[in-house]
Amino acid sequence: MAKILCIEDNQDFVIYLTSVLKDHTLSFAPTLNYAFKYVQNGRESFDLILLDVSLPDGNGIKALSQFKDAFSAKDIPIIILSADNDILSKVAAFGVGADDYIVKPPHSAELKARILLS
């Protein structure tokens, strides 16, 4: 069972993640700012971070390197979640340190498999 921080603002997708990943411990942050505060308090560590690209207060790909630096999360895999299946978006995500890129909404079997591989 992994401890996963899901930075996602779409409530329908949050419900989907909760149902598919019920064997894991999930924490949710609806914005980048909330996620930064959540992790900076230091009360929890995570095995994996799921980071949405499109958030109310910024772009997940642009924030990814700041995220790794701010939380000393260099060893924590970060998977980008995006509705965008464009190759340039994927290349940009990998270029700043993403460990994987999942196009939303993923099939439940794909999501579980990618999390197991992380």
PDB file of N, CA and C in Angstrom:
ATOM      1  N   MET A   1       0.843  -1.179   0.000  1.00  0.00           N
ATOM      2  CA  MET A   1       0.000   0.000   0.000  1.00  0.00           C
ATOM      3  C   MET A   1       0.886   1.239   0.000  1.00  0.00           C
ATOM      4  N   ALA A   2       0.680   2.095  -0.990  1.00  0.00           N
ATOM      5  CA  ALA A   2       1.467   3.319  -1.122  1.00  0.00           C
ATOM      6  C   ALA A   2       0.708   4.503  -0.537  1.00  0.00           C
ATOM      7  N   LYS A   3       1.471   5.480  -0.019  1.00  0.00           N
ATOM      8  CA  LYS A   3       0.904   6.754   0.414  1.00  0.00           C
ATOM      9  C   LYS A   3       1.070   7.714  -0.756  1.00  0.00           C
ATOM     10  N   ILE A   4      -0.054   8.168  -1.295  1.00  0.00           N
ATOM     11  CA  ILE A   4      -0.044   8.961  -2.523  1.00  0.00           C
ATOM     12  C   ILE A   4      -0.654  10.335  -2.272  1.00  0.00           C
ATOM     13  N   LEU A   5       0.065  11.378  -2.690  1.00  0.00           N
ATOM     14  CA  LEU A   5      -0.481  12.725  -2.687  1.00  0.00           C
ATOM     15  C   LEU A   5      -1.014  13.000  -4.089  1.00  0.00           C
ATOM     16  N   CYS A   6      -2.300  13.295  -4.186  1.00  0.00           N
ATOM     17  CA  CYS A   6      -2.950  13.583  -5.464  1.00  0.00           C
ATOM     18  C   CYS A   6      -3.251  15.078  -5.512  1.00  0.00           C
ATOM     19  N   ILE A   7      -2.602  15.787  -6.423  1.00  0.00           N
ATOM     20  CA  ILE A   7      -2.837  17.219  -6.579  1.00  0.00           C
ATOM     21  C   ILE A   7      -3.757  17.362  -7.778  1.00  0.00           C
ATOM     22  N   GLU A   8      -5.026  17.503  -7.482  1.00  0.00           N
ATOM     23  CA  GLU A   8      -6.088  17.419  -8.497  1.00  0.00           C
ATOM     24  C   GLU A   8      -7.269  18.254  -8.039  1.00  0.00           C
ATOM     25  N   ASP A   9      -7.809  19.090  -8.940  1.00  0.00           N
ATOM     26  CA  ASP A   9      -8.933  19.949  -8.577  1.00  0.00           C
ATOM     27  C   ASP A   9     -10.276  19.477  -9.133  1.00  0.00           C
ATOM     28  N   ASN A  10     -10.282  18.513 -10.025  1.00  0.00           N
ATOM     29  CA  ASN A  10     -11.522  18.021 -10.622  1.00  0.00           C
ATOM     30  C   ASN A  10     -12.161  16.991  -9.687  1.00  0.00           C
ATOM     31  N   GLN A  11     -13.276  17.366  -9.085  1.00  0.00           N
ATOM     32  CA  GLN A  11     -13.910  16.516  -8.075  1.00  0.00           C
ATOM     33  C   GLN A  11     -14.340  15.166  -8.637  1.00  0.00           C
ATOM     34  N   ASP A  12     -14.795  15.130  -9.879  1.00  0.00           N
ATOM     35  CA  ASP A  12     -15.178  13.854 -10.483  1.00  0.00           C
ATOM     36  C   ASP A  12     -13.964  12.928 -10.614  1.00  0.00           C
ATOM     37  N   PHE A  13     -12.811  13.500 -10.979  1.00  0.00           N
ATOM     38  CA  PHE A  13     -11.611  12.685 -11.107  1.00  0.00           C
ATOM     39  C   PHE A  13     -11.092  12.254  -9.735  1.00  0.00           C
ATOM     40  N   VAL A  14     -11.270  13.099  -8.734  1.00  0.00           N
ATOM     41  CA  VAL A  14     -10.908  12.729  -7.355  1.00  0.00           C
ATOM     42  C   VAL A  14     -11.721  11.509  -6.919  1.00  0.00           C
ATOM     43  N   ILE A  15     -12.998  11.508  -7.220  1.00  0.00           N
ATOM     44  CA  ILE A  15     -13.859  10.368  -6.879  1.00  0.00           C
ATOM     45  C   ILE A  15     -13.382   9.121  -7.617  1.00  0.00           C
ATOM     46  N   TYR A  16     -13.037   9.279  -8.885  1.00  0.00           N
ATOM     47  CA  TYR A  16     -12.523   8.158  -9.678  1.00  0.00           C
ATOM     48  C   TYR A  16     -11.230   7.613  -9.059  1.00  0.00           C
ATOM     49  N   LEU A  17     -10.285   8.491  -8.740  1.00  0.00           N
ATOM     50  CA  LEU A  17      -9.032   8.050  -8.125  1.00  0.00           C
ATOM     51  C   LEU A  17      -9.290   7.314  -6.814  1.00  0.00           C
ATOM     52  N   THR A  18     -10.194   7.830  -6.019  1.00  0.00           N
ATOM     53  CA  THR A  18     -10.522   7.210  -4.731  1.00  0.00           C
ATOM     54  C   THR A  18     -11.065   5.807  -4.922  1.00  0.00           C
ATOM     55  N   SER A  19     -11.898   5.625  -5.929  1.00  0.00           N
ATOM     56  CA  SER A  19     -12.477   4.293  -6.152  1.00  0.00           C
ATOM     57  C   SER A  19     -11.468   3.313  -6.743  1.00  0.00           C
ATOM     58  N   VAL A  20     -10.637   3.787  -7.661  1.00  0.00           N
ATOM     59  CA  VAL A  20      -9.671   2.899  -8.327  1.00  0.00           C
ATOM     60  C   VAL A  20      -8.496   2.556  -7.408  1.00  0.00           C
ATOM     61  N   LEU A  21      -8.063   3.525  -6.622  1.00  0.00           N
ATOM     62  CA  LEU A  21      -6.866   3.339  -5.792  1.00  0.00           C
ATOM     63  C   LEU A  21      -7.209   3.092  -4.328  1.00  0.00           C
ATOM     64  N   LYS A  22      -8.300   2.400  -4.098  1.00  0.00           N
ATOM     65  CA  LYS A  22      -8.790   2.185  -2.729  1.00  0.00           C
ATOM     66  C   LYS A  22      -7.834   1.354  -1.865  1.00  0.00           C
ATOM     67  N   ASP A  23      -6.885   0.649  -2.468  1.00  0.00           N
ATOM     68  CA  ASP A  23      -5.913  -0.135  -1.703  1.00  0.00           C
ATOM     69  C   ASP A  23      -4.736   0.709  -1.233  1.00  0.00           C
ATOM     70  N   HIS A  24      -4.738   1.998  -1.570  1.00  0.00           N
ATOM     71  CA  HIS A  24      -3.647   2.895  -1.199  1.00  0.00           C
ATOM     72  C   HIS A  24      -4.179   3.989  -0.271  1.00  0.00           C
ATOM     73  N   THR A  25      -3.282   4.651   0.426  1.00  0.00           N
ATOM     74  CA  THR A  25      -3.648   5.788   1.272  1.00  0.00           C
ATOM     75  C   THR A  25      -3.501   7.045   0.434  1.00  0.00           C
ATOM     76  N   LEU A  26      -4.618   7.740   0.211  1.00  0.00           N
ATOM     77  CA  LEU A  26      -4.626   8.920  -0.643  1.00  0.00           C
ATOM     78  C   LEU A  26      -4.841  10.186   0.176  1.00  0.00           C
ATOM     79  N   SER A  27      -4.090  11.214  -0.165  1.00  0.00           N
ATOM     80  CA  SER A  27      -4.306  12.561   0.359  1.00  0.00           C
ATOM     81  C   SER A  27      -4.505  13.449  -0.851  1.00  0.00           C
ATOM     82  N   PHE A  28      -5.400  14.429  -0.723  1.00  0.00           N
ATOM     83  CA  PHE A  28      -5.724  15.274  -1.867  1.00  0.00           C
ATOM     84  C   PHE A  28      -5.431  16.736  -1.591  1.00  0.00           C
ATOM     85  N   ALA A  29      -4.939  17.422  -2.616  1.00  0.00           N
ATOM     86  CA  ALA A  29      -4.725  18.865  -2.592  1.00  0.00           C
ATOM     87  C   ALA A  29      -5.330  19.429  -3.873  1.00  0.00           C
ATOM     88  N   PRO A  30      -6.240  20.408  -3.767  1.00  0.00           N
ATOM     89  CA  PRO A  30      -6.905  20.935  -4.961  1.00  0.00           C
ATOM     90  C   PRO A  30      -6.116  22.003  -5.718  1.00  0.00           C
ATOM     91  N   THR A  31      -5.028  22.503  -5.118  1.00  0.00           N
ATOM     92  CA  THR A  31      -4.219  23.533  -5.760  1.00  0.00           C
ATOM     93  C   THR A  31      -2.741  23.281  -5.462  1.00  0.00           C
ATOM     94  N   LEU A  32      -1.881  23.913  -6.235  1.00  0.00           N
ATOM     95  CA  LEU A  32      -0.444  23.822  -5.979  1.00  0.00           C
ATOM     96  C   LEU A  32      -0.097  24.449  -4.633  1.00  0.00           C
ATOM     97  N   ASN A  33      -0.693  25.603  -4.344  1.00  0.00           N
ATOM     98  CA  ASN A  33      -0.425  26.289  -3.088  1.00  0.00           C
ATOM     99  C   ASN A  33      -0.796  25.404  -1.891  1.00  0.00           C
ATOM    100  N   TYR A  34      -1.945  24.772  -1.968  1.00  0.00           N
ATOM    101  CA  TYR A  34      -2.373  23.882  -0.900  1.00  0.00           C
ATOM    102  C   TYR A  34      -1.410  22.694  -0.781  1.00  0.00           C
ATOM    103  N   ALA A  35      -0.978  22.161  -1.898  1.00  0.00           N
ATOM    104  CA  ALA A  35      -0.042  21.032  -1.876  1.00  0.00           C
ATOM    105  C   ALA A  35       1.284  21.430  -1.248  1.00  0.00           C
ATOM    106  N   PHE A  36       1.797  22.629  -1.609  1.00  0.00           N
ATOM    107  CA  PHE A  36       3.048  23.101  -1.018  1.00  0.00           C
ATOM    108  C   PHE A  36       2.911  23.194   0.497  1.00  0.00           C
ATOM    109  N   LYS A  37       1.833  23.791   0.969  1.00  0.00           N
ATOM    110  CA  LYS A  37       1.609  23.923   2.416  1.00  0.00           C
ATOM    111  C   LYS A  37       1.427  22.557   3.073  1.00  0.00           C
ATOM    112  N   TYR A  38       0.713  21.689   2.401  1.00  0.00           N
ATOM    113  CA  TYR A  38       0.429  20.359   2.936  1.00  0.00           C
ATOM    114  C   TYR A  38       1.711  19.585   3.194  1.00  0.00           C
ATOM    115  N   VAL A  39       2.608  19.608   2.241  1.00  0.00           N
ATOM    116  CA  VAL A  39       3.836  18.825   2.362  1.00  0.00           C
ATOM    117  C   VAL A  39       4.867  19.539   3.232  1.00  0.00           C
ATOM    118  N   GLN A  40       4.893  20.858   3.190  1.00  0.00           N
ATOM    119  CA  GLN A  40       5.873  21.603   3.961  1.00  0.00           C
ATOM    120  C   GLN A  40       5.678  21.448   5.465  1.00  0.00           C
ATOM    121  N   ASN A  41       4.464  21.103   5.894  1.00  0.00           N
ATOM    122  CA  ASN A  41       4.262  20.946   7.334  1.00  0.00           C
ATOM    123  C   ASN A  41       5.039  19.748   7.873  1.00  0.00           C
ATOM    124  N   GLY A  42       5.477  18.867   6.969  1.00  0.00           N
ATOM    125  CA  GLY A  42       6.369  17.777   7.344  1.00  0.00           C
ATOM    126  C   GLY A  42       5.745  16.644   8.133  1.00  0.00           C
ATOM    127  N   ARG A  43       4.441  16.674   8.316  1.00  0.00           N
ATOM    128  CA  ARG A  43       3.801  15.613   9.101  1.00  0.00           C
ATOM    129  C   ARG A  43       3.656  14.306   8.337  1.00  0.00           C
ATOM    130  N   GLU A  44       3.682  14.382   7.031  1.00  0.00           N
ATOM    131  CA  GLU A  44       3.517  13.165   6.239  1.00  0.00           C
ATOM    132  C   GLU A  44       4.579  13.085   5.160  1.00  0.00           C
ATOM    133  N   SER A  45       4.957  11.868   4.850  1.00  0.00           N
ATOM    134  CA  SER A  45       5.813  11.637   3.691  1.00  0.00           C
ATOM    135  C   SER A  45       5.003  10.798   2.711  1.00  0.00           C
ATOM    136  N   PHE A  46       5.383  10.881   1.449  1.00  0.00           N
ATOM    137  CA  PHE A  46       4.619  10.184   0.422  1.00  0.00           C
ATOM    138  C   PHE A  46       5.528   9.285  -0.391  1.00  0.00           C
ATOM    139  N   ASP A  47       4.935   8.226  -0.918  1.00  0.00           N
ATOM    140  CA  ASP A  47       5.648   7.297  -1.795  1.00  0.00           C
ATOM    141  C   ASP A  47       5.536   7.709  -3.254  1.00  0.00           C
ATOM    142  N   LEU A  48       4.517   8.518  -3.559  1.00  0.00           N
ATOM    143  CA  LEU A  48       4.212   8.886  -4.938  1.00  0.00           C
ATOM    144  C   LEU A  48       3.387  10.165  -4.936  1.00  0.00           C
ATOM    145  N   ILE A  49       3.587  10.985  -5.961  1.00  0.00           N
ATOM    146  CA  ILE A  49       2.773  12.181  -6.149  1.00  0.00           C
ATOM    147  C   ILE A  49       2.139  12.117  -7.526  1.00  0.00           C
ATOM    148  N   LEU A  50       0.821  12.297  -7.579  1.00  0.00           N
ATOM    149  CA  LEU A  50       0.084  12.438  -8.836  1.00  0.00           C
ATOM    150  C   LEU A  50      -0.205  13.926  -8.991  1.00  0.00           C
ATOM    151  N   LEU A  51       0.303  14.535 -10.051  1.00  0.00           N
ATOM    152  CA  LEU A  51       0.241  15.981 -10.223  1.00  0.00           C
ATOM    153  C   LEU A  51      -0.492  16.346 -11.505  1.00  0.00           C
ATOM    154  N   ASP A  52      -1.652  16.984 -11.348  1.00  0.00           N
ATOM    155  CA  ASP A  52      -2.426  17.441 -12.497  1.00  0.00           C
ATOM    156  C   ASP A  52      -1.716  18.616 -13.161  1.00  0.00           C
ATOM    157  N   VAL A  53      -1.854  18.740 -14.471  1.00  0.00           N
ATOM    158  CA  VAL A  53      -1.229  19.840 -15.199  1.00  0.00           C
ATOM    159  C   VAL A  53      -2.020  21.124 -15.008  1.00  0.00           C
ATOM    160  N   SER A  54      -3.328  21.034 -15.151  1.00  0.00           N
ATOM    161  CA  SER A  54      -4.166  22.222 -15.145  1.00  0.00           C
ATOM    162  C   SER A  54      -4.808  22.415 -13.774  1.00  0.00           C
ATOM    163  N   LEU A  55      -4.263  23.349 -13.013  1.00  0.00           N
ATOM    164  CA  LEU A  55      -4.771  23.627 -11.670  1.00  0.00           C
ATOM    165  C   LEU A  55      -5.163  25.100 -11.591  1.00  0.00           C
ATOM    166  N   PRO A  56      -6.046  25.449 -10.659  1.00  0.00           N
ATOM    167  CA  PRO A  56      -6.522  26.838 -10.579  1.00  0.00           C
ATOM    168  C   PRO A  56      -5.414  27.870 -10.368  1.00  0.00           C
ATOM    169  N   ASP A  57      -4.330  27.470  -9.712  1.00  0.00           N
ATOM    170  CA  ASP A  57      -3.280  28.433  -9.397  1.00  0.00           C
ATOM    171  C   ASP A  57      -1.965  28.179 -10.137  1.00  0.00           C
ATOM    172  N   GLY A  58      -2.030  27.397 -11.216  1.00  0.00           N
ATOM    173  CA  GLY A  58      -0.813  27.213 -11.983  1.00  0.00           C
ATOM    174  C   GLY A  58      -0.781  25.947 -12.805  1.00  0.00           C
ATOM    175  N   ASN A  59       0.340  25.784 -13.492  1.00  0.00           N
ATOM    176  CA  ASN A  59       0.558  24.644 -14.364  1.00  0.00           C
ATOM    177  C   ASN A  59       1.457  23.642 -13.652  1.00  0.00           C
ATOM    178  N   GLY A  60       0.996  22.402 -13.545  1.00  0.00           N
ATOM    179  CA  GLY A  60       1.745  21.367 -12.838  1.00  0.00           C
ATOM    180  C   GLY A  60       3.105  21.084 -13.441  1.00  0.00           C
ATOM    181  N   ILE A  61       3.215  21.140 -14.759  1.00  0.00           N
ATOM    182  CA  ILE A  61       4.510  20.886 -15.401  1.00  0.00           C
ATOM    183  C   ILE A  61       5.498  21.986 -15.026  1.00  0.00           C
ATOM    184  N   LYS A  62       5.045  23.229 -15.052  1.00  0.00           N
ATOM    185  CA  LYS A  62       5.934  24.344 -14.702  1.00  0.00           C
ATOM    186  C   LYS A  62       6.328  24.293 -13.226  1.00  0.00           C
ATOM    187  N   ALA A  63       5.464  23.762 -12.382  1.00  0.00           N
ATOM    188  CA  ALA A  63       5.729  23.717 -10.936  1.00  0.00           C
ATOM    189  C   ALA A  63       6.504  22.468 -10.509  1.00  0.00           C
ATOM    190  N   LEU A  64       6.657  21.510 -11.398  1.00  0.00           N
ATOM    191  CA  LEU A  64       7.242  20.219 -11.017  1.00  0.00           C
ATOM    192  C   LEU A  64       8.646  20.346 -10.430  1.00  0.00           C
ATOM    193  N   SER A  65       9.527  21.097 -11.057  1.00  0.00           N
ATOM    194  CA  SER A  65      10.892  21.207 -10.530  1.00  0.00           C
ATOM    195  C   SER A  65      10.898  21.948  -9.196  1.00  0.00           C
ATOM    196  N   GLN A  66      10.051  22.963  -9.056  1.00  0.00           N
ATOM    197  CA  GLN A  66       9.924  23.655  -7.772  1.00  0.00           C
ATOM    198  C   GLN A  66       9.416  22.695  -6.704  1.00  0.00           C
ATOM    199  N   PHE A  67       8.523  21.848  -7.104  1.00  0.00           N
ATOM    200  CA  PHE A  67       7.952  20.866  -6.204  1.00  0.00           C
ATOM    201  C   PHE A  67       9.042  19.947  -5.666  1.00  0.00           C
ATOM    202  N   LYS A  68       9.851  19.422  -6.562  1.00  0.00           N
ATOM    203  CA  LYS A  68      10.920  18.512  -6.137  1.00  0.00           C
ATOM    204  C   LYS A  68      11.915  19.225  -5.221  1.00  0.00           C
ATOM    205  N   ASP A  69      12.263  20.447  -5.540  1.00  0.00           N
ATOM    206  CA  ASP A  69      13.212  21.194  -4.717  1.00  0.00           C
ATOM    207  C   ASP A  69      12.616  21.571  -3.359  1.00  0.00           C
ATOM    208  N   ALA A  70      11.392  22.058  -3.364  1.00  0.00           N
ATOM    209  CA  ALA A  70      10.765  22.546  -2.134  1.00  0.00           C
ATOM    210  C   ALA A  70      10.544  21.445  -1.113  1.00  0.00           C
ATOM    211  N   PHE A  71      10.290  20.243  -1.565  1.00  0.00           N
ATOM    212  CA  PHE A  71       9.937  19.179  -0.644  1.00  0.00           C
ATOM    213  C   PHE A  71      11.009  18.120  -0.503  1.00  0.00           C
ATOM    214  N   SER A  72      12.204  18.415  -1.041  1.00  0.00           N
ATOM    215  CA  SER A  72      13.260  17.398  -1.026  1.00  0.00           C
ATOM    216  C   SER A  72      12.697  16.081  -1.543  1.00  0.00           C
ATOM    217  N   ALA A  73      11.928  16.176  -2.615  1.00  0.00           N
ATOM    218  CA  ALA A  73      11.209  15.015  -3.147  1.00  0.00           C
ATOM    219  C   ALA A  73      11.919  14.416  -4.347  1.00  0.00           C
ATOM    220  N   LYS A  74      13.218  14.576  -4.421  1.00  0.00           N
ATOM    221  CA  LYS A  74      13.940  14.077  -5.585  1.00  0.00           C
ATOM    222  C   LYS A  74      13.798  12.571  -5.760  1.00  0.00           C
ATOM    223  N   ASP A  75      13.579  11.849  -4.674  1.00  0.00           N
ATOM    224  CA  ASP A  75      13.440  10.395  -4.750  1.00  0.00           C
ATOM    225  C   ASP A  75      11.987   9.936  -4.787  1.00  0.00           C
ATOM    226  N   ILE A  76      11.050  10.874  -4.737  1.00  0.00           N
ATOM    227  CA  ILE A  76       9.628  10.523  -4.788  1.00  0.00           C
ATOM    228  C   ILE A  76       9.173  10.632  -6.240  1.00  0.00           C
ATOM    229  N   PRO A  77       8.683   9.546  -6.815  1.00  0.00           N
ATOM    230  CA  PRO A  77       8.193   9.617  -8.200  1.00  0.00           C
ATOM    231  C   PRO A  77       7.012  10.584  -8.316  1.00  0.00           C
ATOM    232  N   ILE A  78       7.034  11.371  -9.377  1.00  0.00           N
ATOM    233  CA  ILE A  78       5.921  12.272  -9.667  1.00  0.00           C
ATOM    234  C   ILE A  78       5.379  11.909 -11.040  1.00  0.00           C
ATOM    235  N   ILE A  79       4.089  11.586 -11.047  1.00  0.00           N
ATOM    236  CA  ILE A  79       3.392  11.245 -12.286  1.00  0.00           C
ATOM    237  C   ILE A  79       2.491  12.417 -12.660  1.00  0.00           C
ATOM    238  N   ILE A  80       2.665  12.913 -13.868  1.00  0.00           N
ATOM    239  CA  ILE A  80       1.829  13.997 -14.382  1.00  0.00           C
ATOM    240  C   ILE A  80       0.506  13.412 -14.881  1.00  0.00           C
ATOM    241  N   LEU A  81      -0.585  14.100 -14.539  1.00  0.00           N
ATOM    242  CA  LEU A  81      -1.920  13.754 -15.030  1.00  0.00           C
ATOM    243  C   LEU A  81      -2.380  14.878 -15.949  1.00  0.00           C
ATOM    244  N   SER A  82      -2.819  14.543 -17.153  1.00  0.00           N
ATOM    245  CA  SER A  82      -3.250  15.583 -18.077  1.00  0.00           C
ATOM    246  C   SER A  82      -4.261  15.039 -19.072  1.00  0.00           C
ATOM    247  N   ALA A  83      -5.197  15.880 -19.437  1.00  0.00           N
ATOM    248  CA  ALA A  83      -6.139  15.526 -20.503  1.00  0.00           C
ATOM    249  C   ALA A  83      -5.488  15.717 -21.868  1.00  0.00           C
ATOM    250  N   ASP A  84      -4.327  16.353 -21.883  1.00  0.00           N
ATOM    251  CA  ASP A  84      -3.618  16.658 -23.120  1.00  0.00           C
ATOM    252  C   ASP A  84      -2.726  15.485 -23.525  1.00  0.00           C
ATOM    253  N   ASN A  85      -2.977  14.945 -24.706  1.00  0.00           N
ATOM    254  CA  ASN A  85      -2.206  13.805 -25.210  1.00  0.00           C
ATOM    255  C   ASN A  85      -1.148  14.261 -26.224  1.00  0.00           C
ATOM    256  N   ASP A  86      -0.838  15.533 -26.215  1.00  0.00           N
ATOM    257  CA  ASP A  86       0.114  16.123 -27.142  1.00  0.00           C
ATOM    258  C   ASP A  86       1.542  15.713 -26.789  1.00  0.00           C
ATOM    259  N   ILE A  87       2.319  15.314 -27.762  1.00  0.00           N
ATOM    260  CA  ILE A  87       3.687  14.847 -27.545  1.00  0.00           C
ATOM    261  C   ILE A  87       4.563  15.955 -26.942  1.00  0.00           C
ATOM    262  N   LEU A  88       4.339  17.211 -27.326  1.00  0.00           N
ATOM    263  CA  LEU A  88       5.149  18.309 -26.786  1.00  0.00           C
ATOM    264  C   LEU A  88       4.918  18.485 -25.285  1.00  0.00           C
ATOM    265  N   SER A  89       3.691  18.280 -24.837  1.00  0.00           N
ATOM    266  CA  SER A  89       3.400  18.357 -23.401  1.00  0.00           C
ATOM    267  C   SER A  89       4.109  17.237 -22.650  1.00  0.00           C
ATOM    268  N   LYS A  90       4.101  16.059 -23.247  1.00  0.00           N
ATOM    269  CA  LYS A  90       4.784  14.922 -22.615  1.00  0.00           C
ATOM    270  C   LYS A  90       6.282  15.167 -22.533  1.00  0.00           C
ATOM    271  N   VAL A  91       6.861  15.648 -23.619  1.00  0.00           N
ATOM    272  CA  VAL A  91       8.305  15.924 -23.652  1.00  0.00           C
ATOM    273  C   VAL A  91       8.652  17.001 -22.622  1.00  0.00           C
ATOM    274  N   ALA A  92       7.808  18.035 -22.522  1.00  0.00           N
ATOM    275  CA  ALA A  92       8.044  19.099 -21.538  1.00  0.00           C
ATOM    276  C   ALA A  92       8.014  18.540 -20.124  1.00  0.00           C
ATOM    277  N   ALA A  93       7.063  17.651 -19.841  1.00  0.00           N
ATOM    278  CA  ALA A  93       6.953  17.057 -18.503  1.00  0.00           C
ATOM    279  C   ALA A  93       8.182  16.219 -18.163  1.00  0.00           C
ATOM    280  N   PHE A  94       8.605  15.390 -19.094  1.00  0.00           N
ATOM    281  CA  PHE A  94       9.788  14.566 -18.849  1.00  0.00           C
ATOM    282  C   PHE A  94      11.046  15.430 -18.756  1.00  0.00           C
ATOM    283  N   GLY A  95      11.055  16.527 -19.480  1.00  0.00           N
ATOM    284  CA  GLY A  95      12.207  17.426 -19.472  1.00  0.00           C
ATOM    285  C   GLY A  95      12.446  18.105 -18.132  1.00  0.00           C
ATOM    286  N   VAL A  96      11.401  18.243 -17.325  1.00  0.00           N
ATOM    287  CA  VAL A  96      11.557  18.865 -16.005  1.00  0.00           C
ATOM    288  C   VAL A  96      11.507  17.853 -14.867  1.00  0.00           C
ATOM    289  N   GLY A  97      11.552  16.564 -15.220  1.00  0.00           N
ATOM    290  CA  GLY A  97      11.702  15.562 -14.169  1.00  0.00           C
ATOM    291  C   GLY A  97      10.521  14.667 -13.872  1.00  0.00           C
ATOM    292  N   ALA A  98       9.472  14.711 -14.680  1.00  0.00           N
ATOM    293  CA  ALA A  98       8.344  13.795 -14.450  1.00  0.00           C
ATOM    294  C   ALA A  98       8.816  12.352 -14.614  1.00  0.00           C
ATOM    295  N   ASP A  99       8.292  11.484 -13.788  1.00  0.00           N
ATOM    296  CA  ASP A  99       8.637  10.063 -13.875  1.00  0.00           C
ATOM    297  C   ASP A  99       7.705   9.314 -14.814  1.00  0.00           C
ATOM    298  N   ASP A 100       6.515   9.861 -15.027  1.00  0.00           N
ATOM    299  CA  ASP A 100       5.558   9.257 -15.946  1.00  0.00           C
ATOM    300  C   ASP A 100       4.548  10.329 -16.321  1.00  0.00           C
ATOM    301  N   TYR A 101       3.736  10.033 -17.329  1.00  0.00           N
ATOM    302  CA  TYR A 101       2.734  10.964 -17.837  1.00  0.00           C
ATOM    303  C   TYR A 101       1.515  10.124 -18.175  1.00  0.00           C
ATOM    304  N   ILE A 102       0.411  10.411 -17.524  1.00  0.00           N
ATOM    305  CA  ILE A 102      -0.818   9.648 -17.749  1.00  0.00           C
ATOM    306  C   ILE A 102      -1.868  10.582 -18.344  1.00  0.00           C
ATOM    307  N   VAL A 103      -2.435  10.154 -19.463  1.00  0.00           N
ATOM    308  CA  VAL A 103      -3.507  10.919 -20.102  1.00  0.00           C
ATOM    309  C   VAL A 103      -4.818  10.570 -19.406  1.00  0.00           C
ATOM    310  N   LYS A 104      -5.545  11.630 -19.012  1.00  0.00           N
ATOM    311  CA  LYS A 104      -6.810  11.459 -18.306  1.00  0.00           C
ATOM    312  C   LYS A 104      -7.968  11.339 -19.290  1.00  0.00           C
ATOM    313  N   PRO A 105      -8.938  10.553 -18.950  1.00  0.00           N
ATOM    314  CA  PRO A 105      -8.979   9.635 -17.813  1.00  0.00           C
ATOM    315  C   PRO A 105      -8.349   8.297 -18.203  1.00  0.00           C
ATOM    316  N   PRO A 106      -7.470   7.795 -17.383  1.00  0.00           N
ATOM    317  CA  PRO A 106      -6.857   6.505 -17.702  1.00  0.00           C
ATOM    318  C   PRO A 106      -7.798   5.358 -17.355  1.00  0.00           C
ATOM    319  N   HIS A 107      -7.635   4.267 -18.057  1.00  0.00           N
ATOM    320  CA  HIS A 107      -8.351   3.047 -17.686  1.00  0.00           C
ATOM    321  C   HIS A 107      -7.840   2.637 -16.308  1.00  0.00           C
ATOM    322  N   SER A 108      -8.693   2.084 -15.482  1.00  0.00           N
ATOM    323  CA  SER A 108      -8.301   1.725 -14.114  1.00  0.00           C
ATOM    324  C   SER A 108      -7.113   0.758 -14.090  1.00  0.00           C
ATOM    325  N   ALA A 109      -7.064  -0.191 -15.015  1.00  0.00           N
ATOM    326  CA  ALA A 109      -5.956  -1.154 -15.049  1.00  0.00           C
ATOM    327  C   ALA A 109      -4.641  -0.450 -15.398  1.00  0.00           C
ATOM    328  N   GLU A 110      -4.693   0.517 -16.321  1.00  0.00           N
ATOM    329  CA  GLU A 110      -3.489   1.274 -16.670  1.00  0.00           C
ATOM    330  C   GLU A 110      -3.008   2.091 -15.481  1.00  0.00           C
ATOM    331  N   LEU A 111      -3.917   2.760 -14.795  1.00  0.00           N
ATOM    332  CA  LEU A 111      -3.555   3.578 -13.645  1.00  0.00           C
ATOM    333  C   LEU A 111      -2.887   2.729 -12.563  1.00  0.00           C
ATOM    334  N   LYS A 112      -3.488   1.602 -12.246  1.00  0.00           N
ATOM    335  CA  LYS A 112      -2.918   0.710 -11.221  1.00  0.00           C
ATOM    336  C   LYS A 112      -1.548   0.196 -11.634  1.00  0.00           C
ATOM    337  N   ALA A 113      -1.390  -0.179 -12.889  1.00  0.00           N
ATOM    338  CA  ALA A 113      -0.120  -0.704 -13.371  1.00  0.00           C
ATOM    339  C   ALA A 113       0.977   0.358 -13.310  1.00  0.00           C
ATOM    340  N   ARG A 114       0.675   1.563 -13.709  1.00  0.00           N
ATOM    341  CA  ARG A 114       1.672   2.638 -13.692  1.00  0.00           C
ATOM    342  C   ARG A 114       2.074   3.000 -12.272  1.00  0.00           C
ATOM    343  N   ILE A 115       1.136   2.929 -11.359  1.00  0.00           N
ATOM    344  CA  ILE A 115       1.467   3.218  -9.958  1.00  0.00           C
ATOM    345  C   ILE A 115       2.343   2.114  -9.386  1.00  0.00           C
ATOM    346  N   LEU A 116       2.074   0.894  -9.740  1.00  0.00           N
ATOM    347  CA  LEU A 116       2.906  -0.215  -9.275  1.00  0.00           C
ATOM    348  C   LEU A 116       4.328  -0.110  -9.806  1.00  0.00           C
ATOM    349  N   LEU A 117       4.488   0.432 -11.014  1.00  0.00           N
ATOM    350  CA  LEU A 117       5.804   0.562 -11.626  1.00  0.00           C
ATOM    351  C   LEU A 117       6.600   1.745 -11.068  1.00  0.00           C
ATOM    352  N   SER A 118       5.926   2.661 -10.402  1.00  0.00           N
ATOM    353  CA  SER A 118       6.594   3.872  -9.905  1.00  0.00           C
ATOM    354  C   SER A 118       7.358   3.627  -8.635  1.00  0.00           C
TER     355      SER A 118
END
